[in-house]
Amino acid sequence: VTSHGLNAPNMLLHSLERFDFDSV
């Protein structure tokens, strides 16, 4: 999963809470 912008780390944390992705 990827994200951009100043909120990117938070969105990725949110994504990892939902599903155990292999990479960010």
mmCIF file of all heavy atoms, coordinates in Angstrom:
data_MODEL
# 
_entry.id   MODEL 
# 
loop_
_atom_site.group_PDB 
_atom_site.id 
_atom_site.type_symbol 
_atom_site.label_atom_id 
_atom_site.label_alt_id 
_atom_site.label_comp_id 
_atom_site.label_asym_id 
_atom_site.label_entity_id 
_atom_site.label_seq_id 
_atom_site.pdbx_PDB_ins_code 
_atom_site.Cartn_x 
_atom_site.Cartn_y 
_atom_site.Cartn_z 
_atom_site.occupancy 
_atom_site.B_iso_or_equiv 
_atom_site.pdbx_formal_charge 
_atom_site.auth_seq_id 
_atom_site.auth_comp_id 
_atom_site.auth_asym_id 
_atom_site.auth_atom_id 
_atom_site.pdbx_PDB_model_num 
ATOM 1   N N   . VAL A 1 1  ? 0.854   -1.185 0.000  1.00 0.00 ? 1  VAL A N   1 
ATOM 2   C CA  . VAL A 1 1  ? 0.000   0.000  0.000  1.00 0.00 ? 1  VAL A CA  1 
ATOM 3   C C   . VAL A 1 1  ? 0.890   1.236  0.000  1.00 0.00 ? 1  VAL A C   1 
ATOM 4   O O   . VAL A 1 1  ? 1.977   1.230  0.585  1.00 0.00 ? 1  VAL A O   1 
ATOM 5   C CB  . VAL A 1 1  ? -0.955  -0.001 1.225  1.00 0.00 ? 1  VAL A CB  1 
ATOM 6   C CG1 . VAL A 1 1  ? -0.177  0.006  2.539  1.00 0.00 ? 1  VAL A CG1 1 
ATOM 7   C CG2 . VAL A 1 1  ? -1.937  1.151  1.168  1.00 0.00 ? 1  VAL A CG2 1 
ATOM 8   N N   . THR A 1 2  ? 0.456   2.290  -0.701 1.00 0.00 ? 2  THR A N   1 
ATOM 9   C CA  . THR A 1 2  ? 1.232   3.522  -0.786 1.00 0.00 ? 2  THR A CA  1 
ATOM 10  C C   . THR A 1 2  ? 0.367   4.716  -0.417 1.00 0.00 ? 2  THR A C   1 
ATOM 11  O O   . THR A 1 2  ? -0.866  4.662  -0.521 1.00 0.00 ? 2  THR A O   1 
ATOM 12  C CB  . THR A 1 2  ? 1.807   3.745  -2.206 1.00 0.00 ? 2  THR A CB  1 
ATOM 13  O OG1 . THR A 1 2  ? 0.834   4.415  -3.028 1.00 0.00 ? 2  THR A OG1 1 
ATOM 14  C CG2 . THR A 1 2  ? 2.214   2.440  -2.856 1.00 0.00 ? 2  THR A CG2 1 
ATOM 15  N N   . SER A 1 3  ? 1.018   5.800  -0.002 1.00 0.00 ? 3  SER A N   1 
ATOM 16  C CA  . SER A 1 3  ? 0.292   7.035  0.280  1.00 0.00 ? 3  SER A CA  1 
ATOM 17  C C   . SER A 1 3  ? 1.224   8.218  0.048  1.00 0.00 ? 3  SER A C   1 
ATOM 18  O O   . SER A 1 3  ? 2.448   8.064  -0.030 1.00 0.00 ? 3  SER A O   1 
ATOM 19  C CB  . SER A 1 3  ? -0.239  7.050  1.717  1.00 0.00 ? 3  SER A CB  1 
ATOM 20  O OG  . SER A 1 3  ? -1.119  8.142  1.911  1.00 0.00 ? 3  SER A OG  1 
ATOM 21  N N   . HIS A 1 4  ? 0.627   9.401  -0.075 1.00 0.00 ? 4  HIS A N   1 
ATOM 22  C CA  . HIS A 1 4  ? 1.374   10.611 -0.376 1.00 0.00 ? 4  HIS A CA  1 
ATOM 23  C C   . HIS A 1 4  ? 0.832   11.774 0.467  1.00 0.00 ? 4  HIS A C   1 
ATOM 24  O O   . HIS A 1 4  ? -0.249  11.669 1.040  1.00 0.00 ? 4  HIS A O   1 
ATOM 25  C CB  . HIS A 1 4  ? 1.272   10.948 -1.865 1.00 0.00 ? 4  HIS A CB  1 
ATOM 26  C CG  . HIS A 1 4  ? 1.797   9.864  -2.761 1.00 0.00 ? 4  HIS A CG  1 
ATOM 27  N ND1 . HIS A 1 4  ? 1.133   8.673  -2.941 1.00 0.00 ? 4  HIS A ND1 1 
ATOM 28  C CD2 . HIS A 1 4  ? 2.917   9.777  -3.506 1.00 0.00 ? 4  HIS A CD2 1 
ATOM 29  C CE1 . HIS A 1 4  ? 1.822   7.894  -3.751 1.00 0.00 ? 4  HIS A CE1 1 
ATOM 30  N NE2 . HIS A 1 4  ? 2.914   8.540  -4.111 1.00 0.00 ? 4  HIS A NE2 1 
ATOM 31  N N   . GLY A 1 5  ? 1.592   12.861 0.511  1.00 0.00 ? 5  GLY A N   1 
ATOM 32  C CA  . GLY A 1 5  ? 1.140   14.023 1.261  1.00 0.00 ? 5  GLY A CA  1 
ATOM 33  C C   . GLY A 1 5  ? 1.521   13.952 2.732  1.00 0.00 ? 5  GLY A C   1 
ATOM 34  O O   . GLY A 1 5  ? 2.082   12.950 3.215  1.00 0.00 ? 5  GLY A O   1 
ATOM 35  N N   . LEU A 1 6  ? 1.183   15.011 3.464  1.00 0.00 ? 6  LEU A N   1 
ATOM 36  C CA  . LEU A 1 6  ? 1.589   15.112 4.859  1.00 0.00 ? 6  LEU A CA  1 
ATOM 37  C C   . LEU A 1 6  ? 0.893   14.096 5.761  1.00 0.00 ? 6  LEU A C   1 
ATOM 38  O O   . LEU A 1 6  ? 1.372   13.809 6.855  1.00 0.00 ? 6  LEU A O   1 
ATOM 39  C CB  . LEU A 1 6  ? 1.315   16.531 5.380  1.00 0.00 ? 6  LEU A CB  1 
ATOM 40  C CG  . LEU A 1 6  ? 2.205   17.637 4.785  1.00 0.00 ? 6  LEU A CG  1 
ATOM 41  C CD1 . LEU A 1 6  ? 1.820   18.998 5.357  1.00 0.00 ? 6  LEU A CD1 1 
ATOM 42  C CD2 . LEU A 1 6  ? 3.685   17.355 5.045  1.00 0.00 ? 6  LEU A CD2 1 
ATOM 43  N N   . ASN A 1 7  ? -0.219  13.545 5.306  1.00 0.00 ? 7  ASN A N   1 
ATOM 44  C CA  . ASN A 1 7  ? -0.929  12.557 6.121  1.00 0.00 ? 7  ASN A CA  1 
ATOM 45  C C   . ASN A 1 7  ? -0.565  11.123 5.746  1.00 0.00 ? 7  ASN A C   1 
ATOM 46  O O   . ASN A 1 7  ? -1.165  10.178 6.269  1.00 0.00 ? 7  ASN A O   1 
ATOM 47  C CB  . ASN A 1 7  ? -2.448  12.756 5.988  1.00 0.00 ? 7  ASN A CB  1 
ATOM 48  C CG  . ASN A 1 7  ? -3.211  12.137 7.143  1.00 0.00 ? 7  ASN A CG  1 
ATOM 49  O OD1 . ASN A 1 7  ? -2.767  12.174 8.294  1.00 0.00 ? 7  ASN A OD1 1 
ATOM 50  N ND2 . ASN A 1 7  ? -4.362  11.555 6.855  1.00 0.00 ? 7  ASN A ND2 1 
ATOM 51  N N   . ALA A 1 8  ? 0.414   10.969 4.868  1.00 0.00 ? 8  ALA A N   1 
ATOM 52  C CA  . ALA A 1 8  ? 0.759   9.634  4.377  1.00 0.00 ? 8  ALA A CA  1 
ATOM 53  C C   . ALA A 1 8  ? 1.084   8.638  5.488  1.00 0.00 ? 8  ALA A C   1 
ATOM 54  O O   . ALA A 1 8  ? 0.538   7.521  5.491  1.00 0.00 ? 8  ALA A O   1 
ATOM 55  C CB  . ALA A 1 8  ? 1.911   9.724  3.377  1.00 0.00 ? 8  ALA A CB  1 
ATOM 56  N N   . PRO A 1 9  ? 1.948   8.963  6.439  1.00 0.00 ? 9  PRO A N   1 
ATOM 57  C CA  . PRO A 1 9  ? 2.248   7.956  7.475  1.00 0.00 ? 9  PRO A CA  1 
ATOM 58  C C   . PRO A 1 9  ? 1.015   7.530  8.260  1.00 0.00 ? 9  PRO A C   1 
ATOM 59  O O   . PRO A 1 9  ? 0.857   6.350  8.581  1.00 0.00 ? 9  PRO A O   1 
ATOM 60  C CB  . PRO A 1 9  ? 3.270   8.669  8.368  1.00 0.00 ? 9  PRO A CB  1 
ATOM 61  C CG  . PRO A 1 9  ? 3.889   9.703  7.501  1.00 0.00 ? 9  PRO A CG  1 
ATOM 62  C CD  . PRO A 1 9  ? 2.784   10.168 6.607  1.00 0.00 ? 9  PRO A CD  1 
ATOM 63  N N   . ASN A 1 10 ? 0.126   8.483  8.560  1.00 0.00 ? 10 ASN A N   1 
ATOM 64  C CA  . ASN A 1 10 ? -1.085  8.137  9.302  1.00 0.00 ? 10 ASN A CA  1 
ATOM 65  C C   . ASN A 1 10 ? -2.005  7.237  8.479  1.00 0.00 ? 10 ASN A C   1 
ATOM 66  O O   . ASN A 1 10 ? -2.590  6.289  9.008  1.00 0.00 ? 10 ASN A O   1 
ATOM 67  C CB  . ASN A 1 10 ? -1.833  9.409  9.711  1.00 0.00 ? 10 ASN A CB  1 
ATOM 68  C CG  . ASN A 1 10 ? -1.146  10.136 10.849 1.00 0.00 ? 10 ASN A CG  1 
ATOM 69  O OD1 . ASN A 1 10 ? -0.659  9.517  11.792 1.00 0.00 ? 10 ASN A OD1 1 
ATOM 70  N ND2 . ASN A 1 10 ? -1.084  11.448 10.765 1.00 0.00 ? 10 ASN A ND2 1 
ATOM 71  N N   . MET A 1 11 ? -2.135  7.543  7.178  1.00 0.00 ? 11 MET A N   1 
ATOM 72  C CA  . MET A 1 11 ? -2.978  6.702  6.330  1.00 0.00 ? 11 MET A CA  1 
ATOM 73  C C   . MET A 1 11 ? -2.409  5.290  6.225  1.00 0.00 ? 11 MET A C   1 
ATOM 74  O O   . MET A 1 11 ? -3.156  4.302  6.192  1.00 0.00 ? 11 MET A O   1 
ATOM 75  C CB  . MET A 1 11 ? -3.112  7.316  4.940  1.00 0.00 ? 11 MET A CB  1 
ATOM 76  C CG  . MET A 1 11 ? -4.005  8.540  4.887  1.00 0.00 ? 11 MET A CG  1 
ATOM 77  S SD  . MET A 1 11 ? -5.711  8.214  5.424  1.00 0.00 ? 11 MET A SD  1 
ATOM 78  C CE  . MET A 1 11 ? -6.269  7.065  4.155  1.00 0.00 ? 11 MET A CE  1 
ATOM 79  N N   . LEU A 1 12 ? -1.096  5.179  6.188  1.00 0.00 ? 12 LEU A N   1 
ATOM 80  C CA  . LEU A 1 12 ? -0.476  3.859  6.099  1.00 0.00 ? 12 LEU A CA  1 
ATOM 81  C C   . LEU A 1 12 ? -0.616  3.091  7.417  1.00 0.00 ? 12 LEU A C   1 
ATOM 82  O O   . LEU A 1 12 ? -0.840  1.875  7.410  1.00 0.00 ? 12 LEU A O   1 
ATOM 83  C CB  . LEU A 1 12 ? 0.986   3.995  5.692  1.00 0.00 ? 12 LEU A CB  1 
ATOM 84  C CG  . LEU A 1 12 ? 1.194   4.529  4.270  1.00 0.00 ? 12 LEU A CG  1 
ATOM 85  C CD1 . LEU A 1 12 ? 2.668   4.773  3.992  1.00 0.00 ? 12 LEU A CD1 1 
ATOM 86  C CD2 . LEU A 1 12 ? 0.615   3.579  3.224  1.00 0.00 ? 12 LEU A CD2 1 
ATOM 87  N N   . LEU A 1 13 ? -0.511  3.795  8.519  1.00 0.00 ? 13 LEU A N   1 
ATOM 88  C CA  . LEU A 1 13 ? -0.766  3.150  9.807  1.00 0.00 ? 13 LEU A CA  1 
ATOM 89  C C   . LEU A 1 13 ? -2.198  2.632  9.867  1.00 0.00 ? 13 LEU A C   1 
ATOM 90  O O   . LEU A 1 13 ? -2.456  1.517  10.326 1.00 0.00 ? 13 LEU A O   1 
ATOM 91  C CB  . LEU A 1 13 ? -0.518  4.146  10.950 1.00 0.00 ? 13 LEU A CB  1 
ATOM 92  C CG  . LEU A 1 13 ? 0.936   4.378  11.341 1.00 0.00 ? 13 LEU A CG  1 
ATOM 93  C CD1 . LEU A 1 13 ? 1.059   5.630  12.205 1.00 0.00 ? 13 LEU A CD1 1 
ATOM 94  C CD2 . LEU A 1 13 ? 1.487   3.168  12.096 1.00 0.00 ? 13 LEU A CD2 1 
ATOM 95  N N   . HIS A 1 14 ? -3.116  3.448  9.388  1.00 0.00 ? 14 HIS A N   1 
ATOM 96  C CA  . HIS A 1 14 ? -4.527  3.062  9.337  1.00 0.00 ? 14 HIS A CA  1 
ATOM 97  C C   . HIS A 1 14 ? -4.711  1.828  8.465  1.00 0.00 ? 14 HIS A C   1 
ATOM 98  O O   . HIS A 1 14 ? -5.456  0.901  8.808  1.00 0.00 ? 14 HIS A O   1 
ATOM 99  C CB  . HIS A 1 14 ? -5.336  4.246  8.791  1.00 0.00 ? 14 HIS A CB  1 
ATOM 100 C CG  . HIS A 1 14 ? -6.811  4.122  8.927  1.00 0.00 ? 14 HIS A CG  1 
ATOM 101 N ND1 . HIS A 1 14 ? -7.429  3.460  9.968  1.00 0.00 ? 14 HIS A ND1 1 
ATOM 102 C CD2 . HIS A 1 14 ? -7.831  4.583  8.132  1.00 0.00 ? 14 HIS A CD2 1 
ATOM 103 C CE1 . HIS A 1 14 ? -8.749  3.519  9.822  1.00 0.00 ? 14 HIS A CE1 1 
ATOM 104 N NE2 . HIS A 1 14 ? -9.010  4.181  8.713  1.00 0.00 ? 14 HIS A NE2 1 
ATOM 105 N N   . SER A 1 15 ? -4.011  1.793  7.338  1.00 0.00 ? 15 SER A N   1 
ATOM 106 C CA  . SER A 1 15 ? -4.104  0.656  6.424  1.00 0.00 ? 15 SER A CA  1 
ATOM 107 C C   . SER A 1 15 ? -3.545  -0.615 7.067  1.00 0.00 ? 15 SER A C   1 
ATOM 108 O O   . SER A 1 15 ? -4.114  -1.705 6.915  1.00 0.00 ? 15 SER A O   1 
ATOM 109 C CB  . SER A 1 15 ? -3.353  0.965  5.128  1.00 0.00 ? 15 SER A CB  1 
ATOM 110 O OG  . SER A 1 15 ? -3.953  2.050  4.445  1.00 0.00 ? 15 SER A OG  1 
ATOM 111 N N   . LEU A 1 16 ? -2.431  -0.484 7.778  1.00 0.00 ? 16 LEU A N   1 
ATOM 112 C CA  . LEU A 1 16 ? -1.834  -1.652 8.428  1.00 0.00 ? 16 LEU A CA  1 
ATOM 113 C C   . LEU A 1 16 ? -2.676  -2.148 9.594  1.00 0.00 ? 16 LEU A C   1 
ATOM 114 O O   . LEU A 1 16 ? -2.595  -3.328 9.967  1.00 0.00 ? 16 LEU A O   1 
ATOM 115 C CB  . LEU A 1 16 ? -0.415  -1.320 8.899  1.00 0.00 ? 16 LEU A CB  1 
ATOM 116 C CG  . LEU A 1 16 ? 0.633   -1.154 7.796  1.00 0.00 ? 16 LEU A CG  1 
ATOM 117 C CD1 . LEU A 1 16 ? 1.946   -0.661 8.374  1.00 0.00 ? 16 LEU A CD1 1 
ATOM 118 C CD2 . LEU A 1 16 ? 0.839   -2.452 7.025  1.00 0.00 ? 16 LEU A CD2 1 
ATOM 119 N N   . GLU A 1 17 ? -3.482  -1.263 10.175 1.00 0.00 ? 17 GLU A N   1 
ATOM 120 C CA  . GLU A 1 17 ? -4.425  -1.700 11.201 1.00 0.00 ? 17 GLU A CA  1 
ATOM 121 C C   . GLU A 1 17 ? -5.535  -2.551 10.591 1.00 0.00 ? 17 GLU A C   1 
ATOM 122 O O   . GLU A 1 17 ? -6.045  -3.478 11.226 1.00 0.00 ? 17 GLU A O   1 
ATOM 123 C CB  . GLU A 1 17 ? -5.038  -0.481 11.899 1.00 0.00 ? 17 GLU A CB  1 
ATOM 124 C CG  . GLU A 1 17 ? -4.073  0.273  12.797 1.00 0.00 ? 17 GLU A CG  1 
ATOM 125 C CD  . GLU A 1 17 ? -4.648  1.598  13.271 1.00 0.00 ? 17 GLU A CD  1 
ATOM 126 O OE1 . GLU A 1 17 ? -5.795  1.929  12.866 1.00 0.00 ? 17 GLU A OE1 1 
ATOM 127 O OE2 . GLU A 1 17 ? -3.963  2.301  14.027 1.00 0.00 ? 17 GLU A OE2 1 
ATOM 128 N N   . ARG A 1 18 ? -5.888  -2.234 9.344  1.00 0.00 ? 18 ARG A N   1 
ATOM 129 C CA  . ARG A 1 18 ? -6.969  -2.956 8.667  1.00 0.00 ? 18 ARG A CA  1 
ATOM 130 C C   . ARG A 1 18 ? -6.491  -4.267 8.050  1.00 0.00 ? 18 ARG A C   1 
ATOM 131 O O   . ARG A 1 18 ? -7.209  -5.254 8.058  1.00 0.00 ? 18 ARG A O   1 
ATOM 132 C CB  . ARG A 1 18 ? -7.561  -2.055 7.572  1.00 0.00 ? 18 ARG A CB  1 
ATOM 133 C CG  . ARG A 1 18 ? -8.584  -2.720 6.656  1.00 0.00 ? 18 ARG A CG  1 
ATOM 134 C CD  . ARG A 1 18 ? -9.851  -3.134 7.399  1.00 0.00 ? 18 ARG A CD  1 
ATOM 135 N NE  . ARG A 1 18 ? -10.824 -3.710 6.486  1.00 0.00 ? 18 ARG A NE  1 
ATOM 136 C CZ  . ARG A 1 18 ? -10.821 -4.980 6.065  1.00 0.00 ? 18 ARG A CZ  1 
ATOM 137 N NH1 . ARG A 1 18 ? -9.876  -5.802 6.502  1.00 0.00 ? 18 ARG A NH1 1 
ATOM 138 N NH2 . ARG A 1 18 ? -11.743 -5.417 5.239  1.00 0.00 ? 18 ARG A NH2 1 
ATOM 139 N N   . PHE A 1 19 ? -5.258  -4.271 7.506  1.00 0.00 ? 19 PHE A N   1 
ATOM 140 C CA  . PHE A 1 19 ? -4.752  -5.454 6.815  1.00 0.00 ? 19 PHE A CA  1 
ATOM 141 C C   . PHE A 1 19 ? -3.237  -5.506 6.935  1.00 0.00 ? 19 PHE A C   1 
ATOM 142 O O   . PHE A 1 19 ? -2.566  -4.472 6.919  1.00 0.00 ? 19 PHE A O   1 
ATOM 143 C CB  . PHE A 1 19 ? -5.168  -5.428 5.335  1.00 0.00 ? 19 PHE A CB  1 
ATOM 144 C CG  . PHE A 1 19 ? -4.699  -6.617 4.565  1.00 0.00 ? 19 PHE A CG  1 
ATOM 145 C CD1 . PHE A 1 19 ? -5.347  -7.836 4.692  1.00 0.00 ? 19 PHE A CD1 1 
ATOM 146 C CD2 . PHE A 1 19 ? -3.590  -6.531 3.725  1.00 0.00 ? 19 PHE A CD2 1 
ATOM 147 C CE1 . PHE A 1 19 ? -4.895  -8.958 3.985  1.00 0.00 ? 19 PHE A CE1 1 
ATOM 148 C CE2 . PHE A 1 19 ? -3.147  -7.640 3.025  1.00 0.00 ? 19 PHE A CE2 1 
ATOM 149 C CZ  . PHE A 1 19 ? -3.806  -8.861 3.162  1.00 0.00 ? 19 PHE A CZ  1 
ATOM 150 N N   . ASP A 1 20 ? -2.709  -6.705 7.013  1.00 0.00 ? 20 ASP A N   1 
ATOM 151 C CA  . ASP A 1 20 ? -1.273  -6.891 7.219  1.00 0.00 ? 20 ASP A CA  1 
ATOM 152 C C   . ASP A 1 20 ? -0.534  -6.882 5.880  1.00 0.00 ? 20 ASP A C   1 
ATOM 153 O O   . ASP A 1 20 ? -0.093  -7.915 5.376  1.00 0.00 ? 20 ASP A O   1 
ATOM 154 C CB  . ASP A 1 20 ? -1.029  -8.200 7.953  1.00 0.00 ? 20 ASP A CB  1 
ATOM 155 C CG  . ASP A 1 20 ? 0.389   -8.334 8.480  1.00 0.00 ? 20 ASP A CG  1 
ATOM 156 O OD1 . ASP A 1 20 ? 1.056   -7.290 8.641  1.00 0.00 ? 20 ASP A OD1 1 
ATOM 157 O OD2 . ASP A 1 20 ? 0.820   -9.466 8.736  1.00 0.00 ? 20 ASP A OD2 1 
ATOM 158 N N   . PHE A 1 21 ? -0.381  -5.698 5.306  1.00 0.00 ? 21 PHE A N   1 
ATOM 159 C CA  . PHE A 1 21 ? 0.328   -5.554 4.036  1.00 0.00 ? 21 PHE A CA  1 
ATOM 160 C C   . PHE A 1 21 ? 1.803   -5.922 4.201  1.00 0.00 ? 21 PHE A C   1 
ATOM 161 O O   . PHE A 1 21 ? 2.368   -5.824 5.294  1.00 0.00 ? 21 PHE A O   1 
ATOM 162 C CB  . PHE A 1 21 ? 0.213   -4.116 3.523  1.00 0.00 ? 21 PHE A CB  1 
ATOM 163 C CG  . PHE A 1 21 ? -1.154  -3.759 3.006  1.00 0.00 ? 21 PHE A CG  1 
ATOM 164 C CD1 . PHE A 1 21 ? -2.049  -3.046 3.799  1.00 0.00 ? 21 PHE A CD1 1 
ATOM 165 C CD2 . PHE A 1 21 ? -1.548  -4.119 1.724  1.00 0.00 ? 21 PHE A CD2 1 
ATOM 166 C CE1 . PHE A 1 21 ? -3.309  -2.722 3.334  1.00 0.00 ? 21 PHE A CE1 1 
ATOM 167 C CE2 . PHE A 1 21 ? -2.801  -3.795 1.247  1.00 0.00 ? 21 PHE A CE2 1 
ATOM 168 C CZ  . PHE A 1 21 ? -3.697  -3.094 2.049  1.00 0.00 ? 21 PHE A CZ  1 
ATOM 169 N N   . ASP A 1 22 ? 2.430   -6.294 3.081  1.00 0.00 ? 22 ASP A N   1 
ATOM 170 C CA  . ASP A 1 22 ? 3.844   -6.683 3.095  1.00 0.00 ? 22 ASP A CA  1 
ATOM 171 C C   . ASP A 1 22 ? 4.791   -5.503 2.912  1.00 0.00 ? 22 ASP A C   1 
ATOM 172 O O   . ASP A 1 22 ? 5.986   -5.617 3.214  1.00 0.00 ? 22 ASP A O   1 
ATOM 173 C CB  . ASP A 1 22 ? 4.112   -7.704 1.979  1.00 0.00 ? 22 ASP A CB  1 
ATOM 174 C CG  . ASP A 1 22 ? 3.303   -8.967 2.159  1.00 0.00 ? 22 ASP A CG  1 
ATOM 175 O OD1 . ASP A 1 22 ? 3.485   -9.648 3.192  1.00 0.00 ? 22 ASP A OD1 1 
ATOM 176 O OD2 . ASP A 1 22 ? 2.463   -9.279 1.282  1.00 0.00 ? 22 ASP A OD2 1 
ATOM 177 N N   . SER A 1 23 ? 4.272   -4.388 2.372  1.00 0.00 ? 23 SER A N   1 
ATOM 178 C CA  . SER A 1 23 ? 5.144   -3.232 2.139  1.00 0.00 ? 23 SER A CA  1 
ATOM 179 C C   . SER A 1 23 ? 4.338   -1.951 2.187  1.00 0.00 ? 23 SER A C   1 
ATOM 180 O O   . SER A 1 23 ? 3.117   -1.942 1.981  1.00 0.00 ? 23 SER A O   1 
ATOM 181 C CB  . SER A 1 23 ? 5.850   -3.341 0.775  1.00 0.00 ? 23 SER A CB  1 
ATOM 182 O OG  . SER A 1 23 ? 4.909   -3.140 -0.273 1.00 0.00 ? 23 SER A OG  1 
ATOM 183 N N   . VAL A 1 24 ? 5.047   -0.861 2.465  1.00 0.00 ? 24 VAL A N   1 
ATOM 184 C CA  . VAL A 1 24 ? 4.473   0.479  2.394  1.00 0.00 ? 24 VAL A CA  1 
ATOM 185 C C   . VAL A 1 24 ? 5.423   1.357  1.587  1.00 0.00 ? 24 VAL A C   1 
ATOM 186 O O   . VAL A 1 24 ? 6.618   1.059  1.457  1.00 0.00 ? 24 VAL A O   1 
ATOM 187 C CB  . VAL A 1 24 ? 4.241   1.104  3.787  1.00 0.00 ? 24 VAL A CB  1 
ATOM 188 C CG1 . VAL A 1 24 ? 3.202   0.315  4.573  1.00 0.00 ? 24 VAL A CG1 1 
ATOM 189 C CG2 . VAL A 1 24 ? 5.550   1.200  4.574  1.00 0.00 ? 24 VAL A CG2 1 
# 
